[in-house]
Amino acid sequence: MDDKIIIKGIRGRTMKIDCNDATAMKMAMLFEGTCSLSVDQVTKKYGFSKPRYYQLQKDFKEKGASALINKKRGSDTRPTRTKEVVNQIIRLRFLDPFASAGVIAQKMSQNGYKVSVRSVERTITEYGLQKKLIR
């Protein structure tokens, strides 16, 4: 199987685009969608949806080719629950097994760690540190 897409020009000449080059694929799709093929044909050929095609077209018109480059995925902010924070939550839980998540979050705040009650609850749940109910 060939991992290239072929673009045909008006004089019969062709150009091959590597399928692993996402930016070139998007640029070729916009070129063909504007100059030679219908939007239906080009989205089917390149595996994009129509809304995504129009979004890329709009971004390209506003920002140029740099808008077609794939961005890093995920959050731009640093995670709150670093390894050190998780270790401190576990330590505080073992020191006082009956302390609530709110109390642990308050102690963390007093020790200079900014962490929410919900983050403490998630850590307690993930590590199986819930209180055992005695019947």
C-alpha atoms as a PDB file:
ATOM      1  CA  MET A   1       0.000   0.000   0.000  1.00  0.00           C
ATOM      2  CA  ASP A   2       1.313   3.402  -0.983  1.00  0.00           C
ATOM      3  CA  ASP A   3       1.436   5.956   1.813  1.00  0.00           C
ATOM      4  CA  LYS A   4       1.277   8.919  -0.532  1.00  0.00           C
ATOM      5  CA  ILE A   5      -1.576  10.933  -2.004  1.00  0.00           C
ATOM      6  CA  ILE A   6      -1.279  12.057  -5.594  1.00  0.00           C
ATOM      7  CA  ILE A   7      -2.399  15.514  -6.670  1.00  0.00           C
ATOM      8  CA  LYS A   8      -3.069  15.925 -10.385  1.00  0.00           C
ATOM      9  CA  GLY A   9      -2.509  19.271 -12.059  1.00  0.00           C
ATOM     10  CA  ILE A  10      -4.231  20.728 -15.112  1.00  0.00           C
ATOM     11  CA  ARG A  11      -1.409  19.737 -17.482  1.00  0.00           C
ATOM     12  CA  GLY A  12      -1.417  16.119 -16.333  1.00  0.00           C
ATOM     13  CA  ARG A  13       1.531  16.518 -14.003  1.00  0.00           C
ATOM     14  CA  THR A  14       1.332  14.966 -10.577  1.00  0.00           C
ATOM     15  CA  MET A  15       2.735  15.634  -7.133  1.00  0.00           C
ATOM     16  CA  LYS A  16       2.968  13.084  -4.320  1.00  0.00           C
ATOM     17  CA  ILE A  17       2.182  14.101  -0.744  1.00  0.00           C
ATOM     18  CA  ASP A  18       3.395  11.925   2.133  1.00  0.00           C
ATOM     19  CA  CYS A  19       0.451  10.811   4.299  1.00  0.00           C
ATOM     20  CA  ASN A  20       2.612  11.150   7.428  1.00  0.00           C
ATOM     21  CA  ASP A  21       3.086  14.887   6.833  1.00  0.00           C
ATOM     22  CA  ALA A  22      -0.110  16.278   8.388  1.00  0.00           C
ATOM     23  CA  THR A  23       0.589  19.893   7.434  1.00  0.00           C
ATOM     24  CA  ALA A  24       1.255  19.040   3.778  1.00  0.00           C
ATOM     25  CA  MET A  25      -1.888  16.886   3.713  1.00  0.00           C
ATOM     26  CA  LYS A  26      -4.029  19.741   4.996  1.00  0.00           C
ATOM     27  CA  MET A  27      -2.467  22.182   2.537  1.00  0.00           C
ATOM     28  CA  ALA A  28      -3.006  19.776  -0.368  1.00  0.00           C
ATOM     29  CA  MET A  29      -6.604  19.197   0.687  1.00  0.00           C
ATOM     30  CA  LEU A  30      -7.289  22.941   0.749  1.00  0.00           C
ATOM     31  CA  PHE A  31      -5.561  23.382  -2.605  1.00  0.00           C
ATOM     32  CA  GLU A  32      -7.570  20.622  -4.273  1.00  0.00           C
ATOM     33  CA  GLY A  33     -10.810  21.705  -2.610  1.00  0.00           C
ATOM     34  CA  THR A  34     -10.341  25.235  -3.896  1.00  0.00           C
ATOM     35  CA  CYS A  35      -8.923  24.524  -7.354  1.00  0.00           C
ATOM     36  CA  SER A  36     -10.014  21.168  -8.715  1.00  0.00           C
ATOM     37  CA  LEU A  37     -12.295  18.917  -6.651  1.00  0.00           C
ATOM     38  CA  SER A  38     -15.593  19.402  -4.852  1.00  0.00           C
ATOM     39  CA  VAL A  39     -15.598  19.607  -1.063  1.00  0.00           C
ATOM     40  CA  ASP A  40     -17.323  16.200  -0.915  1.00  0.00           C
ATOM     41  CA  GLN A  41     -14.613  14.598  -3.039  1.00  0.00           C
ATOM     42  CA  VAL A  42     -11.702  16.198  -1.226  1.00  0.00           C
ATOM     43  CA  THR A  43     -12.968  15.422   2.291  1.00  0.00           C
ATOM     44  CA  LYS A  44     -13.506  11.802   1.300  1.00  0.00           C
ATOM     45  CA  LYS A  45     -10.055  11.590  -0.306  1.00  0.00           C
ATOM     46  CA  TYR A  46      -8.226  13.073   2.697  1.00  0.00           C
ATOM     47  CA  GLY A  47     -10.407  11.614   5.456  1.00  0.00           C
ATOM     48  CA  PHE A  48     -11.611  14.896   6.974  1.00  0.00           C
ATOM     49  CA  SER A  49     -15.165  15.983   7.719  1.00  0.00           C
ATOM     50  CA  LYS A  50     -16.750  18.939   5.939  1.00  0.00           C
ATOM     51  CA  PRO A  51     -16.853  21.068   9.107  1.00  0.00           C
ATOM     52  CA  ARG A  52     -13.140  20.362   9.683  1.00  0.00           C
ATOM     53  CA  TYR A  53     -12.388  21.295   6.052  1.00  0.00           C
ATOM     54  CA  TYR A  54     -14.151  24.631   6.414  1.00  0.00           C
ATOM     55  CA  GLN A  55     -12.481  25.238   9.784  1.00  0.00           C
ATOM     56  CA  LEU A  56      -9.032  24.636   8.251  1.00  0.00           C
ATOM     57  CA  GLN A  57      -9.929  26.844   5.300  1.00  0.00           C
ATOM     58  CA  LYS A  58     -10.970  29.682   7.632  1.00  0.00           C
ATOM     59  CA  ASP A  59      -7.847  29.287   9.794  1.00  0.00           C
ATOM     60  CA  PHE A  60      -5.623  29.282   6.699  1.00  0.00           C
ATOM     61  CA  LYS A  61      -7.227  32.466   5.377  1.00  0.00           C
ATOM     62  CA  GLU A  62      -6.818  34.220   8.738  1.00  0.00           C
ATOM     63  CA  LYS A  63      -3.404  32.974   9.891  1.00  0.00           C
ATOM     64  CA  GLY A  64      -1.697  31.388   6.886  1.00  0.00           C
ATOM     65  CA  ALA A  65       0.119  28.055   6.687  1.00  0.00           C
ATOM     66  CA  SER A  66       1.180  28.155  10.341  1.00  0.00           C
ATOM     67  CA  ALA A  67      -2.478  27.522  11.282  1.00  0.00           C
ATOM     68  CA  LEU A  68      -2.262  24.094   9.610  1.00  0.00           C
ATOM     69  CA  ILE A  69       0.556  22.829  11.847  1.00  0.00           C
ATOM     70  CA  ASN A  70      -0.627  20.351  14.475  1.00  0.00           C
ATOM     71  CA  LYS A  71      -0.500  21.780  17.982  1.00  0.00           C
ATOM     72  CA  LYS A  72       0.623  19.913  21.090  1.00  0.00           C
ATOM     73  CA  ARG A  73      -2.327  18.137  22.660  1.00  0.00           C
ATOM     74  CA  GLY A  74      -3.370  18.386  26.276  1.00  0.00           C
ATOM     75  CA  SER A  75      -3.553  21.106  28.836  1.00  0.00           C
ATOM     76  CA  ASP A  76      -1.174  24.055  28.848  1.00  0.00           C
ATOM     77  CA  THR A  77      -1.144  24.199  32.636  1.00  0.00           C
ATOM     78  CA  ARG A  78       1.057  22.131  34.897  1.00  0.00           C
ATOM     79  CA  PRO A  79      -0.725  19.337  36.755  1.00  0.00           C
ATOM     80  CA  THR A  80      -1.771  20.124  40.328  1.00  0.00           C
ATOM     81  CA  ARG A  81      -1.293  16.599  41.585  1.00  0.00           C
ATOM     82  CA  THR A  82       2.432  16.170  41.136  1.00  0.00           C
ATOM     83  CA  LYS A  83       4.201  13.165  42.594  1.00  0.00           C
ATOM     84  CA  GLU A  84       5.247  15.236  45.612  1.00  0.00           C
ATOM     85  CA  VAL A  85       1.679  16.430  46.264  1.00  0.00           C
ATOM     86  CA  VAL A  86       0.288  12.890  45.966  1.00  0.00           C
ATOM     87  CA  ASN A  87       2.942  11.611  48.387  1.00  0.00           C
ATOM     88  CA  GLN A  88       2.033  14.337  50.894  1.00  0.00           C
ATOM     89  CA  ILE A  89      -1.688  13.535  50.636  1.00  0.00           C
ATOM     90  CA  ILE A  90      -0.977   9.843  51.261  1.00  0.00           C
ATOM     91  CA  ARG A  91       1.324  10.706  54.175  1.00  0.00           C
ATOM     92  CA  LEU A  92      -1.300  12.943  55.795  1.00  0.00           C
ATOM     93  CA  ARG A  93      -3.956  10.272  55.282  1.00  0.00           C
ATOM     94  CA  PHE A  94      -1.831   7.659  57.066  1.00  0.00           C
ATOM     95  CA  LEU A  95      -1.004  10.061  59.903  1.00  0.00           C
ATOM     96  CA  ASP A  96      -4.726  10.718  60.472  1.00  0.00           C
ATOM     97  CA  PRO A  97      -6.919   8.069  58.788  1.00  0.00           C
ATOM     98  CA  PHE A  98     -10.137   9.776  59.938  1.00  0.00           C
ATOM     99  CA  ALA A  99      -9.279  13.216  58.496  1.00  0.00           C
ATOM    100  CA  SER A 100     -11.638  14.353  55.745  1.00  0.00           C
ATOM    101  CA  ALA A 101     -10.462  15.474  52.308  1.00  0.00           C
ATOM    102  CA  GLY A 102     -11.186  19.075  53.341  1.00  0.00           C
ATOM    103  CA  VAL A 103      -8.945  18.795  56.410  1.00  0.00           C
ATOM    104  CA  ILE A 104      -6.145  17.250  54.344  1.00  0.00           C
ATOM    105  CA  ALA A 105      -6.493  20.004  51.705  1.00  0.00           C
ATOM    106  CA  GLN A 106      -6.278  22.619  54.459  1.00  0.00           C
ATOM    107  CA  LYS A 107      -3.139  20.995  55.913  1.00  0.00           C
ATOM    108  CA  MET A 108      -1.631  20.881  52.415  1.00  0.00           C
ATOM    109  CA  SER A 109      -2.378  24.585  52.014  1.00  0.00           C
ATOM    110  CA  GLN A 110      -0.694  25.336  55.346  1.00  0.00           C
ATOM    111  CA  ASN A 111       2.381  23.443  54.122  1.00  0.00           C
ATOM    112  CA  GLY A 112       2.546  25.550  50.949  1.00  0.00           C
ATOM    113  CA  TYR A 113       0.855  23.184  48.473  1.00  0.00           C
ATOM    114  CA  LYS A 114      -2.054  24.600  46.498  1.00  0.00           C
ATOM    115  CA  VAL A 115      -4.466  21.696  46.065  1.00  0.00           C
ATOM    116  CA  SER A 116      -8.256  21.501  45.943  1.00  0.00           C
ATOM    117  CA  VAL A 117     -10.472  19.277  48.061  1.00  0.00           C
ATOM    118  CA  ARG A 118     -11.524  17.466  44.871  1.00  0.00           C
ATOM    119  CA  SER A 119      -7.891  16.668  44.031  1.00  0.00           C
ATOM    120  CA  VAL A 120      -7.432  15.219  47.518  1.00  0.00           C
ATOM    121  CA  GLU A 121     -10.594  13.133  47.062  1.00  0.00           C
ATOM    122  CA  ARG A 122      -9.331  11.825  43.702  1.00  0.00           C
ATOM    123  CA  THR A 123      -5.996  10.832  45.207  1.00  0.00           C
ATOM    124  CA  ILE A 124      -7.657   9.075  48.151  1.00  0.00           C
ATOM    125  CA  THR A 125      -9.925   7.156  45.776  1.00  0.00           C
ATOM    126  CA  GLU A 126      -7.159   6.250  43.296  1.00  0.00           C
ATOM    127  CA  TYR A 127      -4.933   4.822  46.031  1.00  0.00           C
ATOM    128  CA  GLY A 128      -7.749   3.063  47.898  1.00  0.00           C
ATOM    129  CA  LEU A 129      -7.358   5.112  51.075  1.00  0.00           C
ATOM    130  CA  GLN A 130     -11.081   5.413  51.866  1.00  0.00           C
ATOM    131  CA  LYS A 131     -12.309   4.869  55.389  1.00  0.00           C
ATOM    132  CA  LYS A 132     -13.495   1.343  56.090  1.00  0.00           C
ATOM    133  CA  LEU A 133     -17.005   1.178  57.554  1.00  0.00           C
ATOM    134  CA  ILE A 134     -17.414  -1.196  60.486  1.00  0.00           C
ATOM    135  CA  ARG A 135     -20.756  -2.991  60.700  1.00  0.00           C
END
